[in-house]
Amino acid sequence: MASRLIGTNRFVEQWRHVRTPAEQEANTGLDIIAQPEEFYRFLRSTGDDDTFFTIETTAESAAIPKPDPRYYTASLGYSGGTTRFMNNQLSFLGRNYVDPPEHTLTLQEWINVITQIVAWRKPLFVAVGSRNYPIYDAVFDHRAWPGWMAWFPTRIDPQSLPGYALTFNIGPGTLVARQETNVITTDSAQVERAKEVEIALAQMGILPTRDELLGRGL
């Protein structure tokens, strides 16, 4: 997945995995693409086993100015395991140290990232948005919707959504976006429209519950 993401957006030119404080201070680390076996050995040495494991690595990009060379421009995380109902979850974060934090990747860059995620392993759900929306603004506490956009493993008829919603067919499913940029949760008008899309997705029966994503609803 890490190799697929190189070049899909401004934030990822190369990946590195920091193993020691000295590597962090020197802005160095293990090149996980060039040295995958050493990366695997290092992960195994941390004590995780197959029943539960977490992997996190960071990216560098000359295109994103950084106030401190130790700062990374993106991160990729994966958590999961082999036990039944284990929640296998992949996360990607772009870090822009110049623009407002609400605006990191562009819509097209997110489409590029999601396209690679879907091609790598068909997911149950892919969400992109603010962490605040599900906590403070979501219509349904038990359902998953990040406020900005999400990919669903099914084709969605745009006519079933509010007219301002955007849809993109990716792989076997559809990406639904509330607007072209992340929802600013302090803007009441943007939040209300995000809620309208959330309600429409729920009424269509395609907005998954959190238990379904965790496997407890199966």
N, C-alpha and C. Protein backbone atom coordinates (compact mmCIF):
# COMPACT_ATOMS: atom_id res chain seq x y z
N MET A 1 0.82 -1.19 0.00
CA MET A 1 0.00 0.00 0.00
C MET A 1 0.87 1.26 0.00
N ALA A 2 1.93 1.23 0.78
CA ALA A 2 2.82 2.39 0.84
C ALA A 2 3.41 2.71 -0.52
N SER A 3 3.83 1.68 -1.25
CA SER A 3 4.41 1.92 -2.56
C SER A 3 3.37 2.44 -3.54
N ARG A 4 2.13 2.00 -3.42
CA ARG A 4 1.06 2.47 -4.30
C ARG A 4 0.79 3.97 -4.11
N LEU A 5 0.99 4.47 -2.90
CA LEU A 5 0.64 5.85 -2.59
C LEU A 5 1.70 6.86 -3.03
N ILE A 6 2.93 6.40 -3.31
CA ILE A 6 3.97 7.32 -3.75
C ILE A 6 3.56 7.98 -5.07
N GLY A 7 3.59 9.32 -5.08
CA GLY A 7 3.25 10.06 -6.28
C GLY A 7 1.78 10.33 -6.49
N THR A 8 0.91 9.83 -5.59
CA THR A 8 -0.53 10.08 -5.76
C THR A 8 -0.95 11.44 -5.23
N ASN A 9 -0.06 12.09 -4.45
CA ASN A 9 -0.39 13.40 -3.88
C ASN A 9 0.90 14.11 -3.49
N ARG A 10 0.76 15.38 -3.08
CA ARG A 10 1.93 16.20 -2.74
C ARG A 10 2.65 15.71 -1.49
N PHE A 11 2.03 14.91 -0.69
CA PHE A 11 2.54 14.60 0.64
C PHE A 11 3.48 13.40 0.68
N VAL A 12 3.48 12.60 -0.37
CA VAL A 12 4.26 11.35 -0.32
C VAL A 12 5.23 11.27 -1.49
N GLU A 13 6.52 11.40 -1.19
CA GLU A 13 7.57 11.14 -2.16
C GLU A 13 8.38 9.91 -1.75
N GLN A 14 8.54 9.73 -0.45
CA GLN A 14 9.24 8.55 0.06
C GLN A 14 8.75 8.25 1.48
N TRP A 15 8.88 6.98 1.86
CA TRP A 15 8.47 6.55 3.19
C TRP A 15 9.70 6.23 4.03
N ARG A 16 9.62 6.49 5.32
CA ARG A 16 10.69 6.11 6.23
C ARG A 16 10.08 5.69 7.56
N HIS A 17 10.74 4.79 8.24
CA HIS A 17 10.25 4.34 9.54
C HIS A 17 11.32 4.63 10.59
N VAL A 18 10.97 5.48 11.53
CA VAL A 18 11.92 5.88 12.58
C VAL A 18 11.96 4.81 13.66
N ARG A 19 13.16 4.35 13.99
CA ARG A 19 13.31 3.29 14.99
C ARG A 19 13.93 3.80 16.29
N THR A 20 14.66 4.89 16.23
CA THR A 20 15.37 5.39 17.41
C THR A 20 15.23 6.90 17.53
N PRO A 21 15.42 7.46 18.72
CA PRO A 21 15.41 8.92 18.88
C PRO A 21 16.46 9.61 18.02
N ALA A 22 17.59 8.95 17.82
CA ALA A 22 18.64 9.54 16.99
C ALA A 22 18.18 9.67 15.54
N GLU A 23 17.45 8.67 15.04
CA GLU A 23 16.92 8.76 13.68
C GLU A 23 15.89 9.87 13.58
N GLN A 24 15.08 10.01 14.61
CA GLN A 24 14.09 11.08 14.61
C GLN A 24 14.77 12.44 14.57
N GLU A 25 15.81 12.62 15.36
CA GLU A 25 16.52 13.90 15.43
C GLU A 25 17.21 14.22 14.11
N ALA A 26 17.71 13.17 13.45
CA ALA A 26 18.46 13.38 12.21
C ALA A 26 17.58 13.34 10.96
N ASN A 27 16.28 13.15 11.17
CA ASN A 27 15.34 13.06 10.05
C ASN A 27 15.74 11.93 9.09
N THR A 28 16.09 10.77 9.68
CA THR A 28 16.44 9.60 8.89
C THR A 28 15.54 8.44 9.32
N GLY A 29 15.85 7.26 8.87
CA GLY A 29 15.07 6.09 9.24
C GLY A 29 15.12 5.03 8.17
N LEU A 30 14.41 3.96 8.39
CA LEU A 30 14.41 2.82 7.48
C LEU A 30 13.53 3.10 6.27
N ASP A 31 14.07 2.91 5.08
CA ASP A 31 13.31 3.05 3.84
C ASP A 31 12.50 1.76 3.66
N ILE A 32 11.21 1.82 3.92
CA ILE A 32 10.41 0.60 3.93
C ILE A 32 10.18 0.03 2.55
N ILE A 33 10.32 0.85 1.50
CA ILE A 33 10.15 0.34 0.14
C ILE A 33 11.42 -0.37 -0.33
N ALA A 34 12.58 0.23 -0.05
CA ALA A 34 13.84 -0.36 -0.48
C ALA A 34 14.28 -1.52 0.41
N GLN A 35 13.83 -1.51 1.69
CA GLN A 35 14.26 -2.53 2.64
C GLN A 35 13.05 -3.18 3.33
N PRO A 36 12.17 -3.81 2.58
CA PRO A 36 10.95 -4.37 3.18
C PRO A 36 11.23 -5.49 4.19
N GLU A 37 12.24 -6.33 3.93
CA GLU A 37 12.51 -7.43 4.85
C GLU A 37 13.04 -6.92 6.19
N GLU A 38 13.89 -5.90 6.14
CA GLU A 38 14.38 -5.33 7.39
C GLU A 38 13.26 -4.64 8.15
N PHE A 39 12.36 -4.01 7.41
CA PHE A 39 11.19 -3.38 8.03
C PHE A 39 10.34 -4.43 8.74
N TYR A 40 10.12 -5.57 8.07
CA TYR A 40 9.35 -6.66 8.66
C TYR A 40 10.03 -7.20 9.91
N ARG A 41 11.34 -7.38 9.86
CA ARG A 41 12.06 -7.88 11.03
C ARG A 41 11.97 -6.91 12.20
N PHE A 42 12.02 -5.62 11.90
CA PHE A 42 11.92 -4.64 12.97
C PHE A 42 10.53 -4.68 13.61
N LEU A 43 9.50 -4.80 12.79
CA LEU A 43 8.14 -4.88 13.32
C LEU A 43 7.96 -6.10 14.21
N ARG A 44 8.52 -7.23 13.77
CA ARG A 44 8.41 -8.45 14.57
C ARG A 44 9.16 -8.31 15.89
N SER A 45 10.22 -7.53 15.89
CA SER A 45 11.03 -7.38 17.11
C SER A 45 10.34 -6.51 18.16
N THR A 46 9.29 -5.78 17.77
CA THR A 46 8.62 -4.91 18.73
C THR A 46 7.70 -5.68 19.66
N GLY A 47 7.44 -6.97 19.35
CA GLY A 47 6.66 -7.80 20.27
C GLY A 47 5.24 -8.07 19.84
N ASP A 48 4.75 -7.43 18.75
CA ASP A 48 3.40 -7.70 18.28
C ASP A 48 3.31 -9.12 17.74
N ASP A 49 2.14 -9.74 17.87
CA ASP A 49 1.95 -11.06 17.28
C ASP A 49 0.77 -11.02 16.32
N ASP A 50 0.44 -12.17 15.73
CA ASP A 50 -0.59 -12.19 14.70
C ASP A 50 -1.99 -11.97 15.24
N THR A 51 -2.20 -12.14 16.55
CA THR A 51 -3.54 -11.95 17.09
C THR A 51 -3.92 -10.46 17.11
N PHE A 52 -2.91 -9.61 17.25
CA PHE A 52 -3.16 -8.17 17.15
C PHE A 52 -1.85 -7.48 16.83
N PHE A 53 -1.90 -6.55 15.87
CA PHE A 53 -0.68 -5.83 15.51
C PHE A 53 -1.03 -4.43 15.02
N THR A 54 -0.07 -3.54 15.13
CA THR A 54 -0.21 -2.19 14.61
C THR A 54 1.05 -1.84 13.83
N ILE A 55 0.87 -1.17 12.72
CA ILE A 55 1.98 -0.72 11.89
C ILE A 55 1.76 0.76 11.59
N GLU A 56 2.78 1.56 11.77
CA GLU A 56 2.68 2.97 11.40
C GLU A 56 4.01 3.43 10.83
N THR A 57 3.95 4.13 9.72
CA THR A 57 5.15 4.67 9.10
C THR A 57 4.84 6.07 8.59
N THR A 58 5.87 6.85 8.35
CA THR A 58 5.67 8.25 7.96
C THR A 58 6.32 8.53 6.61
N ALA A 59 5.87 9.62 6.00
CA ALA A 59 6.35 9.99 4.66
C ALA A 59 6.99 11.37 4.69
N GLU A 60 7.82 11.61 3.67
CA GLU A 60 8.47 12.90 3.49
C GLU A 60 8.15 13.42 2.10
N SER A 61 8.09 14.75 1.97
CA SER A 61 7.87 15.36 0.68
C SER A 61 8.50 16.74 0.66
N ALA A 62 9.26 17.01 -0.37
CA ALA A 62 9.87 18.33 -0.53
C ALA A 62 8.84 19.38 -0.90
N ALA A 63 7.66 18.96 -1.35
CA ALA A 63 6.63 19.89 -1.80
C ALA A 63 5.92 20.58 -0.64
N ILE A 64 6.05 20.03 0.58
CA ILE A 64 5.38 20.59 1.74
C ILE A 64 6.43 21.22 2.67
N PRO A 65 6.46 22.55 2.76
CA PRO A 65 7.42 23.19 3.67
C PRO A 65 7.15 22.78 5.12
N LYS A 66 8.22 22.53 5.88
CA LYS A 66 8.10 22.10 7.27
C LYS A 66 8.91 23.02 8.15
N PRO A 67 8.37 23.49 9.27
CA PRO A 67 9.13 24.36 10.16
C PRO A 67 10.26 23.63 10.89
N ASP A 68 10.16 22.32 10.97
CA ASP A 68 11.17 21.52 11.64
C ASP A 68 11.44 20.29 10.78
N PRO A 69 12.69 20.01 10.41
CA PRO A 69 12.96 18.88 9.51
C PRO A 69 12.56 17.52 10.07
N ARG A 70 12.33 17.44 11.38
CA ARG A 70 11.91 16.17 11.97
C ARG A 70 10.45 15.88 11.70
N TYR A 71 9.69 16.89 11.30
CA TYR A 71 8.26 16.69 11.06
C TYR A 71 8.06 15.90 9.77
N TYR A 72 7.08 15.01 9.78
CA TYR A 72 6.75 14.25 8.58
C TYR A 72 5.57 14.90 7.86
N THR A 73 5.38 14.56 6.61
CA THR A 73 4.32 15.18 5.83
C THR A 73 3.09 14.30 5.66
N ALA A 74 3.22 13.01 5.94
CA ALA A 74 2.07 12.10 5.88
C ALA A 74 2.37 10.88 6.73
N SER A 75 1.32 10.18 7.11
CA SER A 75 1.51 8.94 7.87
C SER A 75 0.53 7.89 7.36
N LEU A 76 0.97 6.64 7.46
CA LEU A 76 0.14 5.51 7.06
C LEU A 76 0.13 4.54 8.22
N GLY A 77 -1.06 4.19 8.68
CA GLY A 77 -1.18 3.27 9.80
C GLY A 77 -2.09 2.11 9.47
N TYR A 78 -1.79 0.95 10.07
CA TYR A 78 -2.62 -0.24 9.87
C TYR A 78 -2.69 -0.99 11.18
N SER A 79 -3.90 -1.36 11.57
CA SER A 79 -4.07 -2.16 12.78
C SER A 79 -5.01 -3.31 12.46
N GLY A 80 -4.76 -4.44 13.09
CA GLY A 80 -5.62 -5.60 12.84
C GLY A 80 -5.08 -6.84 13.51
N GLY A 81 -5.56 -7.97 13.06
CA GLY A 81 -5.14 -9.23 13.64
C GLY A 81 -5.89 -10.39 13.02
N THR A 82 -5.59 -11.58 13.50
CA THR A 82 -6.18 -12.78 12.92
C THR A 82 -7.33 -13.35 13.74
N THR A 83 -7.58 -12.79 14.92
CA THR A 83 -8.68 -13.30 15.73
C THR A 83 -10.02 -12.88 15.12
N ARG A 84 -11.05 -13.65 15.42
CA ARG A 84 -12.37 -13.40 14.85
C ARG A 84 -12.89 -12.03 15.29
N PHE A 85 -13.49 -11.32 14.34
CA PHE A 85 -14.08 -10.00 14.56
C PHE A 85 -13.03 -8.92 14.83
N MET A 86 -11.77 -9.21 14.54
CA MET A 86 -10.75 -8.19 14.70
C MET A 86 -11.00 -7.09 13.68
N ASN A 87 -10.93 -5.84 14.11
CA ASN A 87 -11.17 -4.71 13.24
C ASN A 87 -9.89 -4.37 12.49
N ASN A 88 -9.82 -4.68 11.21
CA ASN A 88 -8.68 -4.34 10.38
C ASN A 88 -8.90 -2.96 9.79
N GLN A 89 -8.06 -2.02 10.17
CA GLN A 89 -8.29 -0.63 9.81
C GLN A 89 -7.02 0.00 9.25
N LEU A 90 -7.17 0.70 8.12
CA LEU A 90 -6.08 1.43 7.49
C LEU A 90 -6.37 2.92 7.60
N SER A 91 -5.34 3.71 7.94
CA SER A 91 -5.54 5.15 8.04
C SER A 91 -4.44 5.88 7.28
N PHE A 92 -4.80 6.98 6.64
CA PHE A 92 -3.83 7.81 5.92
C PHE A 92 -4.09 9.25 6.31
N LEU A 93 -3.00 9.97 6.63
CA LEU A 93 -3.11 11.37 7.04
C LEU A 93 -2.07 12.19 6.31
N GLY A 94 -2.51 13.27 5.68
CA GLY A 94 -1.58 14.23 5.08
C GLY A 94 -1.44 15.41 6.02
N ARG A 95 -0.21 15.85 6.25
CA ARG A 95 0.05 16.93 7.20
C ARG A 95 0.61 18.13 6.46
N ASN A 96 -0.21 19.19 6.38
CA ASN A 96 0.23 20.42 5.73
C ASN A 96 0.54 21.45 6.80
N TYR A 97 1.79 21.87 6.89
CA TYR A 97 2.20 22.79 7.94
C TYR A 97 2.05 24.25 7.54
N VAL A 98 1.48 24.50 6.36
CA VAL A 98 1.33 25.87 5.88
C VAL A 98 -0.14 26.25 5.78
N ASP A 99 -0.92 25.46 5.06
CA ASP A 99 -2.33 25.77 4.88
C ASP A 99 -3.11 25.46 6.16
N PRO A 100 -4.36 25.97 6.28
CA PRO A 100 -5.18 25.60 7.43
C PRO A 100 -5.32 24.09 7.53
N PRO A 101 -5.35 23.52 8.73
CA PRO A 101 -5.40 22.06 8.87
C PRO A 101 -6.64 21.42 8.27
N GLU A 102 -7.70 22.21 8.05
CA GLU A 102 -8.91 21.63 7.46
C GLU A 102 -8.69 21.26 5.99
N HIS A 103 -7.68 21.88 5.37
CA HIS A 103 -7.45 21.64 3.95
C HIS A 103 -6.08 21.02 3.75
N THR A 104 -6.04 19.73 3.59
CA THR A 104 -4.77 19.04 3.37
C THR A 104 -4.73 18.57 1.91
N LEU A 105 -5.09 17.33 1.64
CA LEU A 105 -5.13 16.87 0.27
C LEU A 105 -6.30 17.52 -0.47
N THR A 106 -6.13 17.73 -1.76
CA THR A 106 -7.23 18.20 -2.58
C THR A 106 -8.21 17.06 -2.82
N LEU A 107 -9.38 17.38 -3.35
CA LEU A 107 -10.36 16.33 -3.66
C LEU A 107 -9.76 15.31 -4.61
N GLN A 108 -9.07 15.77 -5.67
CA GLN A 108 -8.49 14.84 -6.62
C GLN A 108 -7.41 13.98 -5.99
N GLU A 109 -6.63 14.55 -5.08
CA GLU A 109 -5.60 13.77 -4.39
C GLU A 109 -6.23 12.69 -3.53
N TRP A 110 -7.34 13.02 -2.86
CA TRP A 110 -8.03 12.00 -2.07
C TRP A 110 -8.61 10.92 -2.97
N ILE A 111 -9.13 11.31 -4.14
CA ILE A 111 -9.64 10.32 -5.08
C ILE A 111 -8.51 9.37 -5.50
N ASN A 112 -7.31 9.94 -5.73
CA ASN A 112 -6.16 9.10 -6.09
C ASN A 112 -5.83 8.11 -4.98
N VAL A 113 -5.83 8.59 -3.73
CA VAL A 113 -5.52 7.73 -2.59
C VAL A 113 -6.57 6.64 -2.44
N ILE A 114 -7.84 7.01 -2.49
CA ILE A 114 -8.92 6.04 -2.31
C ILE A 114 -8.91 5.00 -3.44
N THR A 115 -8.60 5.44 -4.65
CA THR A 115 -8.51 4.51 -5.77
C THR A 115 -7.47 3.42 -5.50
N GLN A 116 -6.34 3.81 -4.93
CA GLN A 116 -5.30 2.84 -4.62
C GLN A 116 -5.70 1.93 -3.47
N ILE A 117 -6.38 2.47 -2.47
CA ILE A 117 -6.85 1.65 -1.35
C ILE A 117 -7.85 0.60 -1.84
N VAL A 118 -8.78 1.02 -2.68
CA VAL A 118 -9.79 0.10 -3.19
C VAL A 118 -9.16 -0.97 -4.06
N ALA A 119 -8.16 -0.59 -4.87
CA ALA A 119 -7.50 -1.55 -5.74
C ALA A 119 -6.64 -2.53 -4.94
N TRP A 120 -6.08 -2.05 -3.82
CA TRP A 120 -5.22 -2.90 -2.98
C TRP A 120 -6.01 -3.99 -2.28
N ARG A 121 -7.11 -3.60 -1.67
CA ARG A 121 -7.93 -4.57 -0.93
C ARG A 121 -9.32 -3.98 -0.76
N LYS A 122 -10.31 -4.63 -1.34
CA LYS A 122 -11.67 -4.08 -1.31
C LYS A 122 -12.11 -3.88 0.14
N PRO A 123 -12.29 -2.63 0.56
CA PRO A 123 -12.68 -2.36 1.94
C PRO A 123 -14.20 -2.37 2.13
N LEU A 124 -14.62 -2.43 3.38
CA LEU A 124 -16.04 -2.31 3.68
C LEU A 124 -16.50 -0.86 3.60
N PHE A 125 -15.56 0.07 3.85
CA PHE A 125 -15.92 1.49 3.96
C PHE A 125 -14.64 2.29 3.98
N VAL A 126 -14.63 3.43 3.28
CA VAL A 126 -13.50 4.35 3.34
C VAL A 126 -14.04 5.74 3.67
N ALA A 127 -13.54 6.32 4.75
CA ALA A 127 -14.05 7.61 5.21
C ALA A 127 -12.97 8.67 5.18
N VAL A 128 -13.33 9.87 4.77
CA VAL A 128 -12.41 11.02 4.78
C VAL A 128 -13.16 12.19 5.39
N GLY A 129 -12.59 12.76 6.45
CA GLY A 129 -13.26 13.91 7.05
C GLY A 129 -12.70 14.29 8.40
N SER A 130 -13.34 15.24 9.01
CA SER A 130 -12.93 15.75 10.31
C SER A 130 -13.24 14.75 11.41
N ARG A 131 -12.39 14.70 12.42
CA ARG A 131 -12.66 13.85 13.59
C ARG A 131 -13.79 14.43 14.43
N ASN A 132 -14.01 15.74 14.32
CA ASN A 132 -15.03 16.38 15.15
C ASN A 132 -16.45 16.06 14.71
N TYR A 133 -16.67 15.91 13.41
CA TYR A 133 -18.05 15.70 12.94
C TYR A 133 -18.70 14.47 13.56
N PRO A 134 -18.08 13.29 13.51
CA PRO A 134 -18.74 12.12 14.10
C PRO A 134 -18.99 12.26 15.60
N ILE A 135 -18.17 13.06 16.28
CA ILE A 135 -18.30 13.19 17.73
C ILE A 135 -19.39 14.18 18.11
N TYR A 136 -19.46 15.31 17.42
CA TYR A 136 -20.34 16.40 17.83
C TYR A 136 -21.52 16.67 16.92
N ASP A 137 -21.44 16.28 15.64
CA ASP A 137 -22.45 16.73 14.69
C ASP A 137 -23.22 15.63 13.98
N ALA A 138 -22.79 14.39 14.08
CA ALA A 138 -23.43 13.30 13.33
C ALA A 138 -24.90 13.14 13.71
N VAL A 139 -25.72 12.83 12.72
CA VAL A 139 -27.14 12.58 12.97
C VAL A 139 -27.32 11.25 13.69
N PHE A 140 -26.55 10.24 13.26
CA PHE A 140 -26.69 8.89 13.81
C PHE A 140 -25.42 8.52 14.58
N ASP A 141 -25.54 8.37 15.88
CA ASP A 141 -24.37 8.03 16.69
C ASP A 141 -23.82 6.65 16.38
N HIS A 142 -24.69 5.74 15.91
CA HIS A 142 -24.26 4.36 15.70
C HIS A 142 -23.83 4.08 14.27
N ARG A 143 -23.90 5.09 13.41
CA ARG A 143 -23.51 4.89 12.01
C ARG A 143 -22.25 5.67 11.67
N ALA A 144 -21.57 5.25 10.58
CA ALA A 144 -20.30 5.85 10.18
C ALA A 144 -20.51 6.84 9.04
N TRP A 145 -20.16 8.08 9.27
CA TRP A 145 -20.16 9.11 8.22
C TRP A 145 -19.28 10.25 8.70
N PRO A 146 -18.19 10.58 7.97
CA PRO A 146 -17.22 11.55 8.46
C PRO A 146 -17.57 13.00 8.17
N GLY A 147 -18.69 13.22 7.46
CA GLY A 147 -19.09 14.59 7.18
C GLY A 147 -18.68 15.07 5.80
N TRP A 148 -17.46 14.70 5.36
CA TRP A 148 -17.02 15.19 4.05
C TRP A 148 -17.31 14.18 2.96
N MET A 149 -16.64 13.04 2.97
CA MET A 149 -16.89 12.07 1.91
C MET A 149 -16.56 10.65 2.37
N ALA A 150 -17.13 9.69 1.64
CA ALA A 150 -16.90 8.28 1.97
C ALA A 150 -17.13 7.43 0.73
N TRP A 151 -16.39 6.32 0.69
CA TRP A 151 -16.55 5.35 -0.40
C TRP A 151 -17.35 4.17 0.12
N PHE A 152 -18.29 3.71 -0.72
CA PHE A 152 -19.14 2.58 -0.37
C PHE A 152 -18.98 1.49 -1.44
N PRO A 153 -18.96 0.21 -1.06
CA PRO A 153 -18.72 -0.88 -2.02
C PRO A 153 -19.95 -1.23 -2.84
N THR A 154 -20.64 -0.21 -3.34
CA THR A 154 -21.83 -0.43 -4.17
C THR A 154 -22.03 0.79 -5.05
N ARG A 155 -22.66 0.62 -6.18
CA ARG A 155 -22.96 1.74 -7.06
C ARG A 155 -24.14 2.54 -6.47
N ILE A 156 -24.01 3.85 -6.46
CA ILE A 156 -25.03 4.73 -5.88
C ILE A 156 -25.60 5.64 -6.95
N ASP A 157 -26.91 5.73 -7.02
CA ASP A 157 -27.59 6.61 -7.98
C ASP A 157 -27.51 8.04 -7.46
N PRO A 158 -26.86 8.96 -8.18
CA PRO A 158 -26.76 10.34 -7.72
C PRO A 158 -28.11 11.00 -7.48
N GLN A 159 -29.15 10.54 -8.18
CA GLN A 159 -30.48 11.12 -8.04
C GLN A 159 -31.05 10.88 -6.65
N SER A 160 -30.51 9.91 -5.92
CA SER A 160 -31.00 9.61 -4.58
C SER A 160 -30.37 10.50 -3.51
N LEU A 161 -29.43 11.35 -3.91
CA LEU A 161 -28.72 12.23 -2.99
C LEU A 161 -29.11 13.68 -3.22
N PRO A 162 -28.86 14.57 -2.25
CA PRO A 162 -29.09 16.00 -2.48
C PRO A 162 -28.34 16.46 -3.73
N GLY A 163 -28.89 17.45 -4.42
CA GLY A 163 -28.35 17.87 -5.71
C GLY A 163 -26.93 18.37 -5.67
N TYR A 164 -26.48 18.87 -4.52
CA TYR A 164 -25.13 19.42 -4.42
C TYR A 164 -24.09 18.34 -4.15
N ALA A 165 -24.51 17.13 -3.82
CA ALA A 165 -23.56 16.05 -3.52
C ALA A 165 -22.80 15.64 -4.78
N LEU A 166 -21.55 15.23 -4.59
CA LEU A 166 -20.70 14.79 -5.70
C LEU A 166 -20.52 13.27 -5.61
N THR A 167 -20.52 12.60 -6.75
CA THR A 167 -20.30 11.15 -6.76
C THR A 167 -19.25 10.79 -7.79
N PHE A 168 -18.43 9.79 -7.47
CA PHE A 168 -17.38 9.31 -8.37
C PHE A 168 -17.35 7.79 -8.27
N ASN A 169 -17.45 7.11 -9.39
CA ASN A 169 -17.35 5.66 -9.41
C ASN A 169 -15.88 5.25 -9.30
N ILE A 170 -15.55 4.49 -8.27
CA ILE A 170 -14.19 3.99 -8.05
C ILE A 170 -14.27 2.50 -7.83
N GLY A 171 -13.63 1.73 -8.71
CA GLY A 171 -13.70 0.28 -8.59
C GLY A 171 -15.14 -0.18 -8.64
N PRO A 172 -15.52 -1.11 -7.75
CA PRO A 172 -16.88 -1.63 -7.76
C PRO A 172 -17.87 -0.74 -7.01
N GLY A 173 -17.40 0.36 -6.43
CA GLY A 173 -18.26 1.19 -5.60
C GLY A 173 -18.29 2.64 -6.01
N THR A 174 -18.80 3.48 -5.09
CA THR A 174 -18.99 4.90 -5.36
C THR A 174 -18.48 5.74 -4.20
N LEU A 175 -17.77 6.81 -4.55
CA LEU A 175 -17.36 7.80 -3.57
C LEU A 175 -18.39 8.91 -3.55
N VAL A 176 -18.89 9.25 -2.37
CA VAL A 176 -19.86 10.32 -2.21
C VAL A 176 -19.21 11.44 -1.42
N ALA A 177 -19.22 12.65 -1.97
CA ALA A 177 -18.62 13.80 -1.30
C ALA A 177 -19.68 14.88 -1.06
N ARG A 178 -19.61 15.47 0.10
CA ARG A 178 -20.53 16.56 0.43
C ARG A 178 -20.20 17.82 -0.37
N GLN A 179 -18.91 18.09 -0.59
CA GLN A 179 -18.45 19.26 -1.32
C GLN A 179 -17.02 18.99 -1.77
N GLU A 180 -16.35 19.97 -2.37
CA GLU A 180 -15.01 19.74 -2.92
C GLU A 180 -13.91 19.89 -1.88
N THR A 181 -14.22 20.42 -0.70
CA THR A 181 -13.23 20.54 0.37
C THR A 181 -13.84 19.99 1.66
N ASN A 182 -12.97 19.72 2.62
CA ASN A 182 -13.42 19.17 3.89
C ASN A 182 -14.46 20.07 4.55
N VAL A 183 -15.41 19.47 5.24
CA VAL A 183 -16.43 20.23 5.95
C VAL A 183 -15.80 20.94 7.16
N ILE A 184 -15.99 22.24 7.22
CA ILE A 184 -15.53 23.01 8.37
C ILE A 184 -16.63 22.94 9.42
N THR A 185 -16.38 22.24 10.52
CA THR A 185 -17.44 21.97 11.48
C THR A 185 -17.89 23.19 12.27
N THR A 186 -17.16 24.31 12.16
CA THR A 186 -17.62 25.55 12.80
C THR A 186 -18.54 26.34 11.88
N ASP A 187 -18.75 25.86 10.66
CA ASP A 187 -19.66 26.50 9.70
C ASP A 187 -20.98 25.74 9.72
N SER A 188 -22.00 26.34 10.29
CA SER A 188 -23.28 25.65 10.48
C SER A 188 -23.92 25.23 9.16
N ALA A 189 -23.76 26.03 8.11
CA ALA A 189 -24.36 25.70 6.82
C ALA A 189 -23.70 24.45 6.23
N GLN A 190 -22.38 24.34 6.34
CA GLN A 190 -21.69 23.16 5.84
C GLN A 190 -22.09 21.93 6.64
N VAL A 191 -22.22 22.07 7.94
CA VAL A 191 -22.61 20.94 8.79
C VAL A 191 -24.01 20.47 8.44
N GLU A 192 -24.93 21.39 8.22
CA GLU A 192 -26.30 21.01 7.91
C GLU A 192 -26.37 20.24 6.60
N ARG A 193 -25.59 20.65 5.62
CA ARG A 193 -25.59 19.92 4.35
C ARG A 193 -24.95 18.54 4.50
N ALA A 194 -23.93 18.46 5.34
CA ALA A 194 -23.33 17.15 5.61
C ALA A 194 -24.36 16.23 6.25
N LYS A 195 -25.18 16.76 7.13
CA LYS A 195 -26.23 15.98 7.77
C LYS A 195 -27.26 15.52 6.76
N GLU A 196 -27.59 16.37 5.79
CA GLU A 196 -28.56 16.01 4.76
C GLU A 196 -28.06 14.82 3.94
N VAL A 197 -26.78 14.82 3.61
CA VAL A 197 -26.19 13.69 2.87
C VAL A 197 -26.20 12.45 3.74
N GLU A 198 -25.86 12.61 5.02
CA GLU A 198 -25.86 11.49 5.96
C GLU A 198 -27.24 10.84 6.03
N ILE A 199 -28.27 11.64 6.13
CA ILE A 199 -29.64 11.12 6.22
C ILE A 199 -30.02 10.40 4.93
N ALA A 200 -29.65 10.99 3.78
CA ALA A 200 -29.98 10.36 2.50
C ALA A 200 -29.30 9.00 2.36
N LEU A 201 -28.04 8.91 2.78
CA LEU A 201 -27.32 7.63 2.70
C LEU A 201 -27.95 6.59 3.61
N ALA A 202 -28.39 7.02 4.80
CA ALA A 202 -29.05 6.10 5.72
C ALA A 202 -30.39 5.62 5.17
N GLN A 203 -31.13 6.52 4.55
CA GLN A 203 -32.43 6.15 3.98
C GLN A 203 -32.27 5.19 2.82
N MET A 204 -31.13 5.26 2.13
CA MET A 204 -30.86 4.33 1.03
C MET A 204 -30.42 2.97 1.54
N GLY A 205 -30.10 2.88 2.84
CA GLY A 205 -29.70 1.61 3.43
C GLY A 205 -28.26 1.22 3.17
N ILE A 206 -27.40 2.20 2.84
CA ILE A 206 -26.01 1.87 2.54
C ILE A 206 -25.03 2.44 3.55
N LEU A 207 -25.50 3.22 4.53
CA LEU A 207 -24.61 3.79 5.53
C LEU A 207 -24.40 2.76 6.63
N PRO A 208 -23.21 2.19 6.75
CA PRO A 208 -23.01 1.07 7.70
C PRO A 208 -23.03 1.53 9.14
N THR A 209 -23.38 0.60 10.03
CA THR A 209 -23.27 0.88 11.45
C THR A 209 -21.84 0.61 11.90
N ARG A 210 -21.46 1.15 13.04
CA ARG A 210 -20.12 0.92 13.56
C ARG A 210 -19.92 -0.56 13.91
N ASP A 211 -20.98 -1.19 14.41
CA ASP A 211 -20.87 -2.61 14.75
C ASP A 211 -20.63 -3.46 13.50
N GLU A 212 -21.26 -3.10 12.38
CA GLU A 212 -21.05 -3.85 11.14
C GLU A 212 -19.59 -3.73 10.69
N LEU A 213 -19.01 -2.56 10.84
CA LEU A 213 -17.62 -2.36 10.43
C LEU A 213 -16.66 -3.11 11.36
N LEU A 214 -17.07 -3.28 12.60
CA LEU A 214 -16.24 -4.02 13.57
C LEU A 214 -16.48 -5.52 13.51
N GLY A 215 -17.49 -5.94 12.75
CA GLY A 215 -17.77 -7.38 12.65
C GLY A 215 -18.75 -7.88 13.68
N ARG A 216 -19.14 -7.02 14.64
CA ARG A 216 -20.04 -7.51 15.70
C ARG A 216 -21.47 -7.66 15.21
N GLY A 217 -21.78 -7.04 14.05
CA GLY A 217 -23.14 -7.14 13.54
C GLY A 217 -23.34 -8.33 12.61
N LEU A 218 -22.29 -9.13 12.40
CA LEU A 218 -22.38 -10.26 11.47
C LEU A 218 -22.82 -11.53 12.17
